[in-house]
PDB file of N, CA and C in Angstrom:
ATOM      1  N   MET A   1     -78.868 132.600-189.639  1.00  0.00           N
ATOM      2  CA  MET A   1     -77.827 133.596-189.596  1.00  0.00           C
ATOM      3  C   MET A   1     -77.354 133.903-191.014  1.00  0.00           C
ATOM      4  N   ARG A   2     -76.728 135.052-191.122  1.00  0.00           N
ATOM      5  CA  ARG A   2     -76.216 135.513-192.415  1.00  0.00           C
ATOM      6  C   ARG A   2     -74.692 135.518-192.353  1.00  0.00           C
ATOM      7  N   PHE A   3     -74.066 134.880-193.340  1.00  0.00           N
ATOM      8  CA  PHE A   3     -72.617 134.749-193.366  1.00  0.00           C
ATOM      9  C   PHE A   3     -72.051 135.262-194.682  1.00  0.00           C
ATOM     10  N   LEU A   4     -70.800 135.710-194.600  1.00  0.00           N
ATOM     11  CA  LEU A   4     -70.002 136.053-195.769  1.00  0.00           C
ATOM     12  C   LEU A   4     -68.741 135.206-195.687  1.00  0.00           C
ATOM     13  N   ALA A   5     -68.575 134.287-196.623  1.00  0.00           N
ATOM     14  CA  ALA A   5     -67.436 133.368-196.619  1.00  0.00           C
ATOM     15  C   ALA A   5     -66.300 133.935-197.447  1.00  0.00           C
ATOM     16  N   ASP A   6     -65.147 134.047-196.812  1.00  0.00           N
ATOM     17  CA  ASP A   6     -63.932 134.508-197.460  1.00  0.00           C
ATOM     18  C   ASP A   6     -63.427 133.408-198.408  1.00  0.00           C
ATOM     19  N   MET A   7     -62.453 133.745-199.228  1.00  0.00           N
ATOM     20  CA  MET A   7     -61.972 132.818-200.261  1.00  0.00           C
ATOM     21  C   MET A   7     -61.441 131.495-199.711  1.00  0.00           C
ATOM     22  N   GLY A   8     -60.872 131.474-198.523  1.00  0.00           N
ATOM     23  CA  GLY A   8     -60.310 130.242-197.974  1.00  0.00           C
ATOM     24  C   GLY A   8     -61.341 129.243-197.480  1.00  0.00           C
ATOM     25  N   ILE A   9     -62.585 129.646-197.427  1.00  0.00           N
ATOM     26  CA  ILE A   9     -63.652 128.770-196.929  1.00  0.00           C
ATOM     27  C   ILE A   9     -64.155 127.896-198.070  1.00  0.00           C
ATOM     28  N   SER A  10     -64.222 126.603-197.803  1.00  0.00           N
ATOM     29  CA  SER A  10     -64.678 125.641-198.806  1.00  0.00           C
ATOM     30  C   SER A  10     -66.149 125.855-199.169  1.00  0.00           C
ATOM     31  N   MET A  11     -66.468 125.638-200.426  1.00  0.00           N
ATOM     32  CA  MET A  11     -67.867 125.705-200.854  1.00  0.00           C
ATOM     33  C   MET A  11     -68.706 124.642-200.151  1.00  0.00           C
ATOM     34  N   ARG A  12     -68.092 123.546-199.746  1.00  0.00           N
ATOM     35  CA  ARG A  12     -68.847 122.512-199.019  1.00  0.00           C
ATOM     36  C   ARG A  12     -69.264 123.013-197.640  1.00  0.00           C
ATOM     37  N   VAL A  13     -68.488 123.879-197.027  1.00  0.00           N
ATOM     38  CA  VAL A  13     -68.889 124.503-195.760  1.00  0.00           C
ATOM     39  C   VAL A  13     -70.093 125.408-196.016  1.00  0.00           C
ATOM     40  N   VAL A  14     -70.038 126.169-197.101  1.00  0.00           N
ATOM     41  CA  VAL A  14     -71.149 127.040-197.486  1.00  0.00           C
ATOM     42  C   VAL A  14     -72.410 126.218-197.728  1.00  0.00           C
ATOM     43  N   GLU A  15     -72.274 125.131-198.459  1.00  0.00           N
ATOM     44  CA  GLU A  15     -73.421 124.265-198.741  1.00  0.00           C
ATOM     45  C   GLU A  15     -73.996 123.674-197.453  1.00  0.00           C
ATOM     46  N   TRP A  16     -73.128 123.289-196.526  1.00  0.00           N
ATOM     47  CA  TRP A  16     -73.586 122.752-195.235  1.00  0.00           C
ATOM     48  C   TRP A  16     -74.389 123.811-194.479  1.00  0.00           C
ATOM     49  N   LEU A  17     -73.875 125.034-194.440  1.00  0.00           N
ATOM     50  CA  LEU A  17     -74.594 126.114-193.760  1.00  0.00           C
ATOM     51  C   LEU A  17     -75.958 126.352-194.406  1.00  0.00           C
ATOM     52  N   ARG A  18     -75.985 126.392-195.728  1.00  0.00           N
ATOM     53  CA  ARG A  18     -77.252 126.603-196.436  1.00  0.00           C
ATOM     54  C   ARG A  18     -78.240 125.477-196.161  1.00  0.00           C
ATOM     55  N   SER A  19     -77.745 124.257-196.118  1.00  0.00           N
ATOM     56  CA  SER A  19     -78.637 123.123-195.849  1.00  0.00           C
ATOM     57  C   SER A  19     -79.208 123.174-194.431  1.00  0.00           C
ATOM     58  N   ASN A  20     -78.570 123.979-193.580  1.00  0.00           N
ATOM     59  CA  ASN A  20     -79.062 124.169-192.214  1.00  0.00           C
ATOM     60  C   ASN A  20     -79.825 125.483-192.061  1.00  0.00           C
ATOM     61  N   GLY A  21     -80.226 126.064-193.190  1.00  0.00           N
ATOM     62  CA  GLY A  21     -81.117 127.216-193.174  1.00  0.00           C
ATOM     63  C   GLY A  21     -80.464 128.583-193.079  1.00  0.00           C
ATOM     64  N   HIS A  22     -79.174 128.659-193.267  1.00  0.00           N
ATOM     65  CA  HIS A  22     -78.481 129.942-193.158  1.00  0.00           C
ATOM     66  C   HIS A  22     -78.331 130.604-194.526  1.00  0.00           C
ATOM     67  N   ASP A  23     -78.266 131.909-194.512  1.00  0.00           N
ATOM     68  CA  ASP A  23     -78.077 132.719-195.714  1.00  0.00           C
ATOM     69  C   ASP A  23     -76.573 132.966-195.837  1.00  0.00           C
ATOM     70  N   VAL A  24     -75.960 132.392-196.865  1.00  0.00           N
ATOM     71  CA  VAL A  24     -74.509 132.473-197.005  1.00  0.00           C
ATOM     72  C   VAL A  24     -74.137 132.973-198.400  1.00  0.00           C
ATOM     73  N   VAL A  25     -73.223 133.927-198.426  1.00  0.00           N
ATOM     74  CA  VAL A  25     -72.649 134.429-199.672  1.00  0.00           C
ATOM     75  C   VAL A  25     -71.176 134.072-199.639  1.00  0.00           C
ATOM     76  N   HIS A  26     -70.686 133.516-200.732  1.00  0.00           N
ATOM     77  CA  HIS A  26     -69.254 133.211-200.835  1.00  0.00           C
ATOM     78  C   HIS A  26     -68.655 134.149-201.875  1.00  0.00           C
ATOM     79  N   LEU A  27     -67.503 134.722-201.542  1.00  0.00           N
ATOM     80  CA  LEU A  27     -66.863 135.656-202.482  1.00  0.00           C
ATOM     81  C   LEU A  27     -66.596 135.008-203.834  1.00  0.00           C
ATOM     82  N   ARG A  28     -66.294 133.721-203.837  1.00  0.00           N
ATOM     83  CA  ARG A  28     -66.010 133.010-205.091  1.00  0.00           C
ATOM     84  C   ARG A  28     -67.233 133.014-206.006  1.00  0.00           C
ATOM     85  N   GLU A  29     -68.415 132.831-205.442  1.00  0.00           N
ATOM     86  CA  GLU A  29     -69.641 132.802-206.247  1.00  0.00           C
ATOM     87  C   GLU A  29     -69.894 134.142-206.934  1.00  0.00           C
ATOM     88  N   GLN A  30     -69.427 135.193-206.319  1.00  0.00           N
ATOM     89  CA  GLN A  30     -69.650 136.524-206.867  1.00  0.00           C
ATOM     90  C   GLN A  30     -68.440 137.046-207.635  1.00  0.00           C
ATOM     91  N   LYS A  31     -67.484 136.137-207.863  1.00  0.00           N
ATOM     92  CA  LYS A  31     -66.282 136.447-208.629  1.00  0.00           C
ATOM     93  C   LYS A  31     -65.484 137.614-208.025  1.00  0.00           C
ATOM     94  N   LEU A  32     -65.465 137.650-206.704  1.00  0.00           N
ATOM     95  CA  LEU A  32     -64.715 138.679-205.978  1.00  0.00           C
ATOM     96  C   LEU A  32     -63.459 138.051-205.391  1.00  0.00           C
ATOM     97  N   PHE A  33     -62.653 137.465-206.260  1.00  0.00           N
ATOM     98  CA  PHE A  33     -61.491 136.677-205.855  1.00  0.00           C
ATOM     99  C   PHE A  33     -60.433 137.476-205.102  1.00  0.00           C
ATOM    100  N   SER A  34     -60.251 138.729-205.440  1.00  0.00           N
ATOM    101  CA  SER A  34     -59.169 139.498-204.824  1.00  0.00           C
ATOM    102  C   SER A  34     -59.685 140.756-204.128  1.00  0.00           C
ATOM    103  N   LEU A  35     -60.873 140.674-203.586  1.00  0.00           N
ATOM    104  CA  LEU A  35     -61.439 141.807-202.867  1.00  0.00           C
ATOM    105  C   LEU A  35     -60.598 142.081-201.619  1.00  0.00           C
ATOM    106  N   PRO A  36     -60.146 143.322-201.424  1.00  0.00           N
ATOM    107  CA  PRO A  36     -59.334 143.644-200.243  1.00  0.00           C
ATOM    108  C   PRO A  36     -60.108 143.398-198.942  1.00  0.00           C
ATOM    109  N   ASP A  37     -59.376 143.070-197.886  1.00  0.00           N
ATOM    110  CA  ASP A  37     -59.996 142.738-196.599  1.00  0.00           C
ATOM    111  C   ASP A  37     -60.929 143.828-196.090  1.00  0.00           C
ATOM    112  N   ASN A  38     -60.520 145.091-196.221  1.00  0.00           N
ATOM    113  CA  ASN A  38     -61.371 146.168-195.709  1.00  0.00           C
ATOM    114  C   ASN A  38     -62.691 146.248-196.479  1.00  0.00           C
ATOM    115  N   GLU A  39     -62.677 145.891-197.761  1.00  0.00           N
ATOM    116  CA  GLU A  39     -63.923 145.883-198.540  1.00  0.00           C
ATOM    117  C   GLU A  39     -64.796 144.684-198.182  1.00  0.00           C
ATOM    118  N   ILE A  40     -64.178 143.574-197.849  1.00  0.00           N
ATOM    119  CA  ILE A  40     -64.941 142.417-197.345  1.00  0.00           C
ATOM    120  C   ILE A  40     -65.627 142.805-196.045  1.00  0.00           C
ATOM    121  N   PHE A  41     -64.874 143.462-195.178  1.00  0.00           N
ATOM    122  CA  PHE A  41     -65.395 143.918-193.899  1.00  0.00           C
ATOM    123  C   PHE A  41     -66.569 144.878-194.110  1.00  0.00           C
ATOM    124  N   ASP A  42     -66.409 145.854-194.995  1.00  0.00           N
ATOM    125  CA  ASP A  42     -67.481 146.814-195.297  1.00  0.00           C
ATOM    126  C   ASP A  42     -68.718 146.102-195.821  1.00  0.00           C
ATOM    127  N   ARG A  43     -68.493 145.153-196.693  1.00  0.00           N
ATOM    128  CA  ARG A  43     -69.620 144.409-197.268  1.00  0.00           C
ATOM    129  C   ARG A  43     -70.376 143.636-196.188  1.00  0.00           C
ATOM    130  N   ALA A  44     -69.635 143.004-195.290  1.00  0.00           N
ATOM    131  CA  ALA A  44     -70.270 142.262-194.194  1.00  0.00           C
ATOM    132  C   ALA A  44     -71.108 143.194-193.320  1.00  0.00           C
ATOM    133  N   ILE A  45     -70.594 144.373-193.056  1.00  0.00           N
ATOM    134  CA  ILE A  45     -71.348 145.343-192.255  1.00  0.00           C
ATOM    135  C   ILE A  45     -72.610 145.770-192.992  1.00  0.00           C
ATOM    136  N   ASN A  46     -72.471 146.149-194.249  1.00  0.00           N
ATOM    137  CA  ASN A  46     -73.614 146.635-195.030  1.00  0.00           C
ATOM    138  C   ASN A  46     -74.701 145.584-195.205  1.00  0.00           C
ATOM    139  N   GLU A  47     -74.308 144.309-195.252  1.00  0.00           N
ATOM    140  CA  GLU A  47     -75.269 143.225-195.464  1.00  0.00           C
ATOM    141  C   GLU A  47     -75.610 142.481-194.177  1.00  0.00           C
ATOM    142  N   SER A  48     -75.103 142.970-193.038  1.00  0.00           N
ATOM    143  CA  SER A  48     -75.330 142.328-191.728  1.00  0.00           C
ATOM    144  C   SER A  48     -74.960 140.852-191.765  1.00  0.00           C
ATOM    145  N   ARG A  49     -73.713 140.577-192.152  1.00  0.00           N
ATOM    146  CA  ARG A  49     -73.236 139.201-192.260  1.00  0.00           C
ATOM    147  C   ARG A  49     -72.058 138.964-191.318  1.00  0.00           C
ATOM    148  N   ILE A  50     -71.926 137.737-190.878  1.00  0.00           N
ATOM    149  CA  ILE A  50     -70.807 137.285-190.066  1.00  0.00           C
ATOM    150  C   ILE A  50     -69.733 136.785-191.027  1.00  0.00           C
ATOM    151  N   ILE A  51     -68.521 137.264-190.859  1.00  0.00           N
ATOM    152  CA  ILE A  51     -67.429 136.856-191.744  1.00  0.00           C
ATOM    153  C   ILE A  51     -66.870 135.512-191.298  1.00  0.00           C
ATOM    154  N   LEU A  52     -66.718 134.593-192.236  1.00  0.00           N
ATOM    155  CA  LEU A  52     -66.042 133.313-192.012  1.00  0.00           C
ATOM    156  C   LEU A  52     -64.702 133.386-192.734  1.00  0.00           C
ATOM    157  N   THR A  53     -63.600 133.152-192.016  1.00  0.00           N
ATOM    158  CA  THR A  53     -62.297 133.318-192.650  1.00  0.00           C
ATOM    159  C   THR A  53     -61.201 132.524-191.959  1.00  0.00           C
ATOM    160  N   PHE A  54     -60.144 132.293-192.698  1.00  0.00           N
ATOM    161  CA  PHE A  54     -58.887 131.770-192.158  1.00  0.00           C
ATOM    162  C   PHE A  54     -57.854 132.895-192.066  1.00  0.00           C
ATOM    163  N   ASP A  55     -58.202 134.086-192.526  1.00  0.00           N
ATOM    164  CA  ASP A  55     -57.298 135.221-192.639  1.00  0.00           C
ATOM    165  C   ASP A  55     -57.156 135.927-191.290  1.00  0.00           C
ATOM    166  N   LEU A  56     -55.967 135.845-190.708  1.00  0.00           N
ATOM    167  CA  LEU A  56     -55.720 136.421-189.388  1.00  0.00           C
ATOM    168  C   LEU A  56     -55.867 137.937-189.356  1.00  0.00           C
ATOM    169  N   ASP A  57     -55.785 138.598-190.488  1.00  0.00           N
ATOM    170  CA  ASP A  57     -55.911 140.052-190.528  1.00  0.00           C
ATOM    171  C   ASP A  57     -57.270 140.534-190.034  1.00  0.00           C
ATOM    172  N   PHE A  58     -58.295 139.722-190.139  1.00  0.00           N
ATOM    173  CA  PHE A  58     -59.634 140.173-189.756  1.00  0.00           C
ATOM    174  C   PHE A  58     -59.759 140.430-188.267  1.00  0.00           C
ATOM    175  N   GLY A  59     -59.008 139.730-187.448  1.00  0.00           N
ATOM    176  CA  GLY A  59     -59.027 140.016-186.018  1.00  0.00           C
ATOM    177  C   GLY A  59     -58.585 141.431-185.738  1.00  0.00           C
ATOM    178  N   GLU A  60     -57.542 141.846-186.396  1.00  0.00           N
ATOM    179  CA  GLU A  60     -57.027 143.202-186.229  1.00  0.00           C
ATOM    180  C   GLU A  60     -57.998 144.228-186.811  1.00  0.00           C
ATOM    181  N   ILE A  61     -58.584 143.922-187.950  1.00  0.00           N
ATOM    182  CA  ILE A  61     -59.536 144.847-188.570  1.00  0.00           C
ATOM    183  C   ILE A  61     -60.710 145.086-187.641  1.00  0.00           C
ATOM    184  N   VAL A  62     -61.241 144.021-187.037  1.00  0.00           N
ATOM    185  CA  VAL A  62     -62.364 144.179-186.104  1.00  0.00           C
ATOM    186  C   VAL A  62     -61.933 145.001-184.898  1.00  0.00           C
ATOM    187  N   ALA A  63     -60.768 144.702-184.359  1.00  0.00           N
ATOM    188  CA  ALA A  63     -60.290 145.420-183.167  1.00  0.00           C
ATOM    189  C   ALA A  63     -60.131 146.914-183.427  1.00  0.00           C
ATOM    190  N   LEU A  64     -59.749 147.279-184.627  1.00  0.00           N
ATOM    191  CA  LEU A  64     -59.519 148.686-184.957  1.00  0.00           C
ATOM    192  C   LEU A  64     -60.749 149.382-185.538  1.00  0.00           C
ATOM    193  N   SER A  65     -61.833 148.651-185.701  1.00  0.00           N
ATOM    194  CA  SER A  65     -63.000 149.196-186.400  1.00  0.00           C
ATOM    195  C   SER A  65     -63.819 150.168-185.571  1.00  0.00           C
ATOM    196  N   LYS A  66     -63.649 150.159-184.274  1.00  0.00           N
ATOM    197  CA  LYS A  66     -64.333 151.031-183.324  1.00  0.00           C
ATOM    198  C   LYS A  66     -65.844 150.988-183.466  1.00  0.00           C
ATOM    199  N   SER A  67     -66.456 151.937-184.152  1.00  0.00           N
ATOM    200  CA  SER A  67     -67.914 152.044-184.129  1.00  0.00           C
ATOM    201  C   SER A  67     -68.619 151.116-185.102  1.00  0.00           C
ATOM    202  N   ARG A  68     -67.888 150.361-185.871  1.00  0.00           N
ATOM    203  CA  ARG A  68     -68.504 149.516-186.893  1.00  0.00           C
ATOM    204  C   ARG A  68     -68.728 148.122-186.335  1.00  0.00           C
ATOM    205  N   LYS A  69     -69.907 147.568-186.553  1.00  0.00           N
ATOM    206  CA  LYS A  69     -70.308 146.338-185.901  1.00  0.00           C
ATOM    207  C   LYS A  69     -70.356 145.163-186.884  1.00  0.00           C
ATOM    208  N   VAL A  70     -69.560 144.135-186.587  1.00  0.00           N
ATOM    209  CA  VAL A  70     -69.599 142.895-187.354  1.00  0.00           C
ATOM    210  C   VAL A  70     -68.927 141.807-186.520  1.00  0.00           C
ATOM    211  N   SER A  71     -69.385 140.591-186.667  1.00  0.00           N
ATOM    212  CA  SER A  71     -68.714 139.463-186.019  1.00  0.00           C
ATOM    213  C   SER A  71     -67.856 138.743-187.046  1.00  0.00           C
ATOM    214  N   VAL A  72     -66.798 138.131-186.545  1.00  0.00           N
ATOM    215  CA  VAL A  72     -65.881 137.372-187.394  1.00  0.00           C
ATOM    216  C   VAL A  72     -65.655 136.021-186.746  1.00  0.00           C
ATOM    217  N   ILE A  73     -65.764 134.969-187.547  1.00  0.00           N
ATOM    218  CA  ILE A  73     -65.365 133.635-187.109  1.00  0.00           C
ATOM    219  C   ILE A  73     -64.055 133.344-187.820  1.00  0.00           C
ATOM    220  N   LEU A  74     -63.011 133.235-187.026  1.00  0.00           N
ATOM    221  CA  LEU A  74     -61.655 133.061-187.529  1.00  0.00           C
ATOM    222  C   LEU A  74     -61.181 131.645-187.207  1.00  0.00           C
ATOM    223  N   PHE A  75     -60.897 130.886-188.250  1.00  0.00           N
ATOM    224  CA  PHE A  75     -60.411 129.515-188.079  1.00  0.00           C
ATOM    225  C   PHE A  75     -58.894 129.532-187.972  1.00  0.00           C
ATOM    226  N   ARG A  76     -58.381 128.968-186.880  1.00  0.00           N
ATOM    227  CA  ARG A  76     -56.926 128.793-186.694  1.00  0.00           C
ATOM    228  C   ARG A  76     -56.697 127.304-186.492  1.00  0.00           C
ATOM    229  N   LEU A  77     -56.778 126.574-187.581  1.00  0.00           N
ATOM    230  CA  LEU A  77     -56.736 125.117-187.532  1.00  0.00           C
ATOM    231  C   LEU A  77     -55.540 124.582-188.310  1.00  0.00           C
ATOM    232  N   ARG A  78     -54.955 123.519-187.778  1.00  0.00           N
ATOM    233  CA  ARG A  78     -53.955 122.784-188.554  1.00  0.00           C
ATOM    234  C   ARG A  78     -54.678 121.826-189.502  1.00  0.00           C
ATOM    235  N   ASN A  79     -55.753 121.223-188.999  1.00  0.00           N
ATOM    236  CA  ASN A  79     -56.572 120.325-189.809  1.00  0.00           C
ATOM    237  C   ASN A  79     -57.637 121.173-190.500  1.00  0.00           C
ATOM    238  N   THR A  80     -57.424 121.468-191.763  1.00  0.00           N
ATOM    239  CA  THR A  80     -58.357 122.326-192.492  1.00  0.00           C
ATOM    240  C   THR A  80     -59.260 121.545-193.442  1.00  0.00           C
ATOM    241  N   THR A  81     -59.369 120.234-193.221  1.00  0.00           N
ATOM    242  CA  THR A  81     -60.271 119.453-194.060  1.00  0.00           C
ATOM    243  C   THR A  81     -61.701 119.917-193.823  1.00  0.00           C
ATOM    244  N   THR A  82     -62.493 119.876-194.850  1.00  0.00           N
ATOM    245  CA  THR A  82     -63.862 120.374-194.757  1.00  0.00           C
ATOM    246  C   THR A  82     -64.660 119.707-193.642  1.00  0.00           C
ATOM    247  N   PRO A  83     -64.631 118.373-193.502  1.00  0.00           N
ATOM    248  CA  PRO A  83     -65.413 117.767-192.409  1.00  0.00           C
ATOM    249  C   PRO A  83     -65.003 118.295-191.026  1.00  0.00           C
ATOM    250  N   PHE A  84     -63.711 118.533-190.827  1.00  0.00           N
ATOM    251  CA  PHE A  84     -63.263 119.029-189.529  1.00  0.00           C
ATOM    252  C   PHE A  84     -63.688 120.481-189.315  1.00  0.00           C
ATOM    253  N   VAL A  85     -63.580 121.304-190.350  1.00  0.00           N
ATOM    254  CA  VAL A  85     -64.024 122.697-190.257  1.00  0.00           C
ATOM    255  C   VAL A  85     -65.514 122.738-189.916  1.00  0.00           C
ATOM    256  N   ILE A  86     -66.301 121.920-190.584  1.00  0.00           N
ATOM    257  CA  ILE A  86     -67.743 121.865-190.314  1.00  0.00           C
ATOM    258  C   ILE A  86     -68.000 121.413-188.879  1.00  0.00           C
ATOM    259  N   LYS A  87     -67.290 120.418-188.431  1.00  0.00           N
ATOM    260  CA  LYS A  87     -67.468 119.916-187.060  1.00  0.00           C
ATOM    261  C   LYS A  87     -67.185 121.016-186.034  1.00  0.00           C
ATOM    262  N   ARG A  88     -66.099 121.749-186.222  1.00  0.00           N
ATOM    263  CA  ARG A  88     -65.734 122.813-185.280  1.00  0.00           C
ATOM    264  C   ARG A  88     -66.745 123.959-185.359  1.00  0.00           C
ATOM    265  N   LEU A  89     -67.166 124.328-186.562  1.00  0.00           N
ATOM    266  CA  LEU A  89     -68.145 125.393-186.728  1.00  0.00           C
ATOM    267  C   LEU A  89     -69.480 124.993-186.114  1.00  0.00           C
ATOM    268  N   ASP A  90     -69.882 123.756-186.304  1.00  0.00           N
ATOM    269  CA  ASP A  90     -71.133 123.265-185.727  1.00  0.00           C
ATOM    270  C   ASP A  90     -71.108 123.362-184.205  1.00  0.00           C
ATOM    271  N   THR A  91     -69.985 123.026-183.601  1.00  0.00           N
ATOM    272  CA  THR A  91     -69.855 123.125-182.145  1.00  0.00           C
ATOM    273  C   THR A  91     -70.075 124.560-181.680  1.00  0.00           C
ATOM    274  N   VAL A  92     -69.419 125.498-182.331  1.00  0.00           N
ATOM    275  CA  VAL A  92     -69.554 126.907-181.952  1.00  0.00           C
ATOM    276  C   VAL A  92     -70.992 127.372-182.130  1.00  0.00           C
ATOM    277  N   MET A  93     -71.591 127.043-183.249  1.00  0.00           N
ATOM    278  CA  MET A  93     -72.949 127.502-183.520  1.00  0.00           C
ATOM    279  C   MET A  93     -73.951 126.877-182.570  1.00  0.00           C
ATOM    280  N   THR A  94     -73.734 125.653-182.181  1.00  0.00           N
ATOM    281  CA  THR A  94     -74.638 124.988-181.248  1.00  0.00           C
ATOM    282  C   THR A  94     -74.521 125.592-179.853  1.00  0.00           C
ATOM    283  N   GLU A  95     -73.304 125.856-179.439  1.00  0.00           N
ATOM    284  CA  GLU A  95     -73.060 126.315-178.070  1.00  0.00           C
ATOM    285  C   GLU A  95     -73.159 127.825-177.898  1.00  0.00           C
ATOM    286  N   SER A  96     -72.945 128.591-178.954  1.00  0.00           N
ATOM    287  CA  SER A  96     -72.819 130.042-178.791  1.00  0.00           C
ATOM    288  C   SER A  96     -73.498 130.858-179.877  1.00  0.00           C
ATOM    289  N   ALA A  97     -74.529 130.339-180.491  1.00  0.00           N
ATOM    290  CA  ALA A  97     -75.175 131.027-181.616  1.00  0.00           C
ATOM    291  C   ALA A  97     -75.634 132.437-181.270  1.00  0.00           C
ATOM    292  N   ALA A  98     -76.201 132.636-180.097  1.00  0.00           N
ATOM    293  CA  ALA A  98     -76.737 133.948-179.735  1.00  0.00           C
ATOM    294  C   ALA A  98     -75.640 135.012-179.696  1.00  0.00           C
ATOM    295  N   LEU A  99     -74.445 134.630-179.325  1.00  0.00           N
ATOM    296  CA  LEU A  99     -73.351 135.596-179.234  1.00  0.00           C
ATOM    297  C   LEU A  99     -72.904 136.110-180.591  1.00  0.00           C
ATOM    298  N   LEU A 100     -73.144 135.341-181.628  1.00  0.00           N
ATOM    299  CA  LEU A 100     -72.697 135.737-182.959  1.00  0.00           C
ATOM    300  C   LEU A 100     -73.490 136.909-183.523  1.00  0.00           C
ATOM    301  N   GLU A 101     -74.644 137.195-182.950  1.00  0.00           N
ATOM    302  CA  GLU A 101     -75.467 138.308-183.427  1.00  0.00           C
ATOM    303  C   GLU A 101     -74.922 139.653-182.963  1.00  0.00           C
ATOM    304  N   GLU A 102     -73.978 139.635-182.030  1.00  0.00           N
ATOM    305  CA  GLU A 102     -73.358 140.853-181.536  1.00  0.00           C
ATOM    306  C   GLU A 102     -71.953 140.951-182.120  1.00  0.00           C
ATOM    307  N   THR A 103     -71.224 141.991-181.729  1.00  0.00           N
ATOM    308  CA  THR A 103     -69.865 142.165-182.247  1.00  0.00           C
ATOM    309  C   THR A 103     -68.909 141.296-181.452  1.00  0.00           C
ATOM    310  N   HIS A 104     -68.514 140.213-182.051  1.00  0.00           N
ATOM    311  CA  HIS A 104     -67.582 139.277-181.436  1.00  0.00           C
ATOM    312  C   HIS A 104     -66.575 138.805-182.457  1.00  0.00           C
ATOM    313  N   ILE A 105     -65.448 138.390-181.947  1.00  0.00           N
ATOM    314  CA  ILE A 105     -64.551 137.607-182.781  1.00  0.00           C
ATOM    315  C   ILE A 105     -64.485 136.241-182.132  1.00  0.00           C
ATOM    316  N   VAL A 106     -64.716 135.229-182.935  1.00  0.00           N
ATOM    317  CA  VAL A 106     -64.681 133.851-182.466  1.00  0.00           C
ATOM    318  C   VAL A 106     -63.463 133.208-183.114  1.00  0.00           C
ATOM    319  N   ILE A 107     -62.581 132.715-182.286  1.00  0.00           N
ATOM    320  CA  ILE A 107     -61.370 132.071-182.780  1.00  0.00           C
ATOM    321  C   ILE A 107     -61.538 130.577-182.548  1.00  0.00           C
ATOM    322  N   ILE A 108     -61.617 129.846-183.653  1.00  0.00           N
ATOM    323  CA  ILE A 108     -61.836 128.399-183.576  1.00  0.00           C
ATOM    324  C   ILE A 108     -60.504 127.699-183.779  1.00  0.00           C
ATOM    325  N   GLU A 109     -60.126 126.914-182.781  1.00  0.00           N
ATOM    326  CA  GLU A 109     -58.892 126.143-182.825  1.00  0.00           C
ATOM    327  C   GLU A 109     -59.220 124.658-182.827  1.00  0.00           C
ATOM    328  N   GLU A 110     -58.189 123.829-182.829  1.00  0.00           N
ATOM    329  CA  GLU A 110     -58.364 122.373-182.915  1.00  0.00           C
ATOM    330  C   GLU A 110     -59.278 121.817-181.826  1.00  0.00           C
ATOM    331  N   ASN A 111     -59.030 122.220-180.572  1.00  0.00           N
ATOM    332  CA  ASN A 111     -59.731 121.609-179.441  1.00  0.00           C
ATOM    333  C   ASN A 111     -60.525 122.582-178.603  1.00  0.00           C
ATOM    334  N   ARG A 112     -60.559 123.814-179.005  1.00  0.00           N
ATOM    335  CA  ARG A 112     -61.306 124.813-178.246  1.00  0.00           C
ATOM    336  C   ARG A 112     -61.657 125.982-179.149  1.00  0.00           C
ATOM    337  N   TYR A 113     -62.499 126.839-178.617  1.00  0.00           N
ATOM    338  CA  TYR A 113     -62.771 128.098-179.298  1.00  0.00           C
ATOM    339  C   TYR A 113     -62.858 129.185-178.237  1.00  0.00           C
ATOM    340  N   ARG A 114     -62.523 130.384-178.658  1.00  0.00           N
ATOM    341  CA  ARG A 114     -62.568 131.539-177.762  1.00  0.00           C
ATOM    342  C   ARG A 114     -63.459 132.598-178.391  1.00  0.00           C
ATOM    343  N   ILE A 115     -64.236 133.251-177.551  1.00  0.00           N
ATOM    344  CA  ILE A 115     -65.108 134.321-178.026  1.00  0.00           C
ATOM    345  C   ILE A 115     -64.720 135.592-177.298  1.00  0.00           C
ATOM    346  N   ARG A 116     -64.457 136.609-178.070  1.00  0.00           N
ATOM    347  CA  ARG A 116     -64.103 137.912-177.509  1.00  0.00           C
ATOM    348  C   ARG A 116     -65.145 138.922-177.950  1.00  0.00           C
ATOM    349  N   LYS A 117     -65.811 139.504-176.959  1.00  0.00           N
ATOM    350  CA  LYS A 117     -66.785 140.564-177.229  1.00  0.00           C
ATOM    351  C   LYS A 117     -66.068 141.892-177.126  1.00  0.00           C
ATOM    352  N   PHE A 118     -66.317 142.744-178.058  1.00  0.00           N
ATOM    353  CA  PHE A 118     -65.706 144.059-178.012  1.00  0.00           C
ATOM    354  C   PHE A 118     -66.519 144.962-177.099  1.00  0.00           C
ATOM    355  N   PRO A 119     -65.863 145.794-176.325  1.00  0.00           N
ATOM    356  CA  PRO A 119     -66.572 146.661-175.362  1.00  0.00           C
ATOM    357  C   PRO A 119     -67.575 147.568-176.042  1.00  0.00           C
ATOM    358  N   ASP A 120     -68.593 147.957-175.275  1.00  0.00           N
ATOM    359  CA  ASP A 120     -69.634 148.847-175.804  1.00  0.00           C
ATOM    360  C   ASP A 120     -69.080 150.158-176.327  1.00  0.00           C
ATOM    361  N   VAL A 121     -67.936 150.570-175.835  1.00  0.00           N
ATOM    362  CA  VAL A 121     -67.318 151.799-176.312  1.00  0.00           C
ATOM    363  C   VAL A 121     -67.039 151.727-177.813  1.00  0.00           C
ATOM    364  N   TYR A 122     -66.930 150.526-178.340  1.00  0.00           N
ATOM    365  CA  TYR A 122     -66.650 150.362-179.763  1.00  0.00           C
ATOM    366  C   TYR A 122     -67.909 150.280-180.611  1.00  0.00           C
ATOM    367  N   LYS A 123     -69.068 150.286-179.996  1.00  0.00           N
ATOM    368  CA  LYS A 123     -70.320 150.178-180.754  1.00  0.00           C
ATOM    369  C   LYS A 123     -70.895 151.556-181.044  1.00  0.00           C
ATOM    370  N   LYS A 124     -71.747 151.596-182.054  1.00  0.00           N
ATOM    371  CA  LYS A 124     -72.449 152.842-182.364  1.00  0.00           C
ATOM    372  C   LYS A 124     -73.411 153.170-181.265  1.00  0.00           C
TER     373      LYS A 124
END
């Protein structure tokens, strides 16, 4: 899978994904420290990447995007330590990897995750 990691995502999460064969770009590596959310979203669409973020604004951006297709994995965790983030992400990817290729928002919480697929009316 192809991912775009927002600034709040640890480089160790990126390294873990890469070690598992995924193509990951982190905004920090490209010195895009203050790229606005809508430009992150555009970049993810143009590069066919799944956004990894702690930023709650992305849920709203996806909901309002209508014809634009991108998935977002949104972490809503109290425990934001890298090992815990990796553990929760691994669970989602193991159980629901196929769903991430479509337009979904995945909300990862401490003890559960929710996947919301946007209706076909919002797709091109």
